[in-house]
Amino acid sequence: MAPRGPMTPKQALAFVKQHGIVLERARGPVPCLIDAIVGDPVRGSWWAHAKAHHIFEALGAVADSQDVLRCRLVSGKVTYAHRRVWPALVRLSDRIGEHRLDRHDQEHTATGAHRTVTTPFPKWVPAESMTAAKKLDDAEALVMIAPFVP
């Protein structure tokens, strides 16, 4: 059940954990995090939305979480993948395409600008996710990250 009013950062993280893989803004085969944060579909730029402050705060918490990968996994769009699905992503990386699993973090520069810092796959993958991936077969991995992986 969606919370009343905008999601808190904690609720946004729980949403990502629950779904495993979500899109930041785009429409697609997995839920849209910004729509979930607001509680309704957001039309146009979310920066112009009345709840932009809440969106910014919740997105920041999700993107900064050590339990969340920010990548371009689904259709080249900004995607968040929770740590619980990382073993499946690692297991199916050949099928997915490694560049889609590169980690894209936002860094704030001294001038106040933002820039994207990319860590290529698999350099960002923790050892425990690599180990867990070896214990999965492809069918188990697919179940963990369905419905978006072909």
Protein backbone atom coordinates (compact mmCIF):
# COMPACT_ATOMS: atom_id res chain seq x y z
CA MET A 1 0.00 0.00 0.00
CA ALA A 2 1.38 3.43 -0.93
CA PRO A 3 1.98 5.84 1.94
CA ARG A 4 -0.20 8.95 2.31
CA GLY A 5 1.61 12.01 1.03
CA PRO A 6 5.12 11.89 -0.34
CA MET A 7 7.37 9.01 0.68
CA THR A 8 10.07 9.61 3.22
CA PRO A 9 13.63 8.71 2.22
CA LYS A 10 13.33 5.57 4.35
CA GLN A 11 10.12 4.57 2.54
CA ALA A 12 11.76 5.20 -0.84
CA LEU A 13 14.63 2.86 0.09
CA ALA A 14 12.12 0.24 1.25
CA PHE A 15 10.31 0.59 -2.10
CA VAL A 16 13.54 -0.11 -4.00
CA LYS A 17 14.30 -3.08 -1.76
CA GLN A 18 10.78 -4.48 -2.20
CA HIS A 19 10.85 -4.26 -6.00
CA GLY A 20 14.55 -5.02 -6.46
CA ILE A 21 14.81 -2.96 -9.65
CA VAL A 22 13.08 0.37 -10.32
CA LEU A 23 13.40 3.16 -12.83
CA GLU A 24 14.12 6.64 -11.52
CA ARG A 25 11.81 8.52 -13.85
CA ALA A 26 10.99 6.62 -17.01
CA ARG A 27 8.09 4.36 -17.85
CA GLY A 28 8.97 0.75 -18.42
CA PRO A 29 8.65 -2.85 -17.27
CA VAL A 30 9.49 -1.99 -13.64
CA PRO A 31 8.03 0.64 -11.27
CA CYS A 32 8.92 4.34 -11.48
CA LEU A 33 10.46 5.59 -8.23
CA ILE A 34 9.51 9.25 -8.66
CA ASP A 35 5.86 8.35 -9.22
CA ALA A 36 5.98 6.16 -6.12
CA ILE A 37 7.58 8.93 -4.05
CA VAL A 38 4.80 11.36 -5.01
CA GLY A 39 2.00 8.78 -4.95
CA ASP A 40 0.77 9.71 -8.45
CA PRO A 41 2.20 9.85 -11.97
CA VAL A 42 4.40 12.92 -12.44
CA ARG A 43 3.95 14.68 -15.77
CA GLY A 44 6.76 16.79 -17.19
CA SER A 45 9.85 17.71 -15.23
CA TRP A 46 9.79 16.58 -11.61
CA TRP A 47 11.90 19.66 -10.77
CA ALA A 48 8.79 21.77 -11.44
CA HIS A 49 6.51 19.52 -9.37
CA ALA A 50 5.00 20.88 -6.15
CA LYS A 51 6.72 18.05 -4.24
CA ALA A 52 10.14 18.54 -5.89
CA HIS A 53 11.84 19.02 -2.52
CA HIS A 54 10.52 15.68 -1.25
CA ILE A 55 11.46 13.98 -4.52
CA PHE A 56 15.00 15.40 -4.34
CA GLU A 57 15.44 14.32 -0.72
CA ALA A 58 14.15 10.79 -1.31
CA LEU A 59 16.14 10.30 -4.54
CA GLY A 60 19.28 11.48 -2.79
CA ALA A 61 18.81 8.97 0.00
CA VAL A 62 18.30 6.15 -2.48
CA ALA A 63 21.22 7.14 -4.71
CA ASP A 64 23.55 7.56 -1.72
CA SER A 65 22.65 4.22 -0.14
CA GLN A 66 25.36 1.57 -0.10
CA ASP A 67 22.57 -0.95 -0.71
CA VAL A 68 21.56 0.54 -4.06
CA LEU A 69 23.24 0.47 -7.45
CA ARG A 70 22.50 3.45 -9.73
CA CYS A 71 23.01 2.32 -13.30
CA ARG A 72 21.42 2.38 -16.77
CA LEU A 73 20.13 -1.16 -16.66
CA VAL A 74 16.60 -0.84 -18.07
CA SER A 75 16.36 0.62 -21.58
CA GLY A 76 19.37 2.87 -20.97
CA LYS A 77 17.41 4.84 -18.35
CA VAL A 78 18.54 5.64 -14.80
CA THR A 79 17.76 2.50 -12.84
CA TYR A 80 18.17 1.61 -9.17
CA ALA A 81 18.94 -2.01 -8.24
CA HIS A 82 18.85 -3.13 -4.61
CA ARG A 83 21.69 -5.18 -3.15
CA ARG A 84 19.40 -8.21 -2.83
CA VAL A 85 19.33 -8.60 -6.64
CA TRP A 86 23.04 -7.98 -7.27
CA PRO A 87 23.92 -11.70 -7.31
CA ALA A 88 21.37 -12.23 -10.09
CA LEU A 89 22.76 -9.29 -12.06
CA VAL A 90 26.28 -10.65 -11.70
CA ARG A 91 25.15 -14.15 -12.71
CA LEU A 92 23.42 -12.82 -15.84
CA SER A 93 25.91 -10.05 -16.68
CA ASP A 94 26.95 -11.66 -19.98
CA ARG A 95 23.33 -11.77 -21.02
CA ILE A 96 22.52 -8.27 -19.72
CA GLY A 97 25.61 -6.51 -21.04
CA GLU A 98 28.27 -5.37 -18.60
CA HIS A 99 28.11 -1.68 -19.58
CA ARG A 100 24.47 -1.61 -18.41
CA LEU A 101 25.75 -2.63 -14.97
CA ASP A 102 28.30 0.16 -14.61
CA ARG A 103 27.75 2.15 -11.39
CA HIS A 104 26.89 5.83 -11.96
CA ASP A 105 27.26 7.98 -8.85
CA GLN A 106 26.55 11.70 -8.64
CA GLU A 107 29.34 13.79 -7.18
CA HIS A 108 28.98 17.38 -6.03
CA THR A 109 31.90 19.54 -7.14
CA ALA A 110 33.33 22.53 -5.29
CA THR A 111 31.45 24.83 -7.67
CA GLY A 112 28.12 23.25 -6.73
CA ALA A 113 27.78 21.46 -10.05
CA HIS A 114 27.06 17.76 -10.31
CA ARG A 115 29.03 15.27 -12.30
CA THR A 116 28.64 11.58 -12.86
CA VAL A 117 31.41 9.28 -11.69
CA THR A 118 31.30 5.88 -13.37
CA THR A 119 32.70 2.70 -11.83
CA PRO A 120 32.76 -0.07 -14.41
CA PHE A 121 31.19 -3.45 -13.74
CA PRO A 122 32.40 -5.59 -11.94
CA LYS A 123 34.76 -3.29 -10.00
CA TRP A 124 31.94 -2.06 -7.75
CA VAL A 125 30.57 -5.54 -6.96
CA PRO A 126 31.20 -6.67 -3.36
CA ALA A 127 32.80 -10.07 -2.81
CA GLU A 128 29.67 -11.46 -1.13
CA SER A 129 27.59 -10.70 -4.22
CA MET A 130 30.15 -12.42 -6.44
CA THR A 131 30.12 -15.47 -4.19
CA ALA A 132 26.31 -15.57 -4.08
CA ALA A 133 26.17 -15.26 -7.89
CA LYS A 134 28.24 -18.42 -8.27
CA LYS A 135 25.65 -20.33 -6.23
CA LEU A 136 22.76 -19.33 -8.52
CA ASP A 137 21.80 -20.97 -11.76
CA ASP A 138 20.42 -18.84 -14.60
CA ALA A 139 16.79 -19.78 -13.90
CA GLU A 140 17.06 -18.72 -10.24
CA ALA A 141 18.73 -15.47 -11.26
CA LEU A 142 16.03 -14.71 -13.82
CA VAL A 143 13.31 -15.16 -11.21
CA MET A 144 15.08 -12.64 -8.95
CA ILE A 145 15.16 -9.90 -11.58
CA ALA A 146 12.09 -10.59 -13.71
CA PRO A 147 10.32 -9.05 -15.57
CA PHE A 148 12.84 -6.91 -17.40
CA VAL A 149 15.73 -9.19 -18.43
CA PRO A 150 15.18 -11.03 -21.75
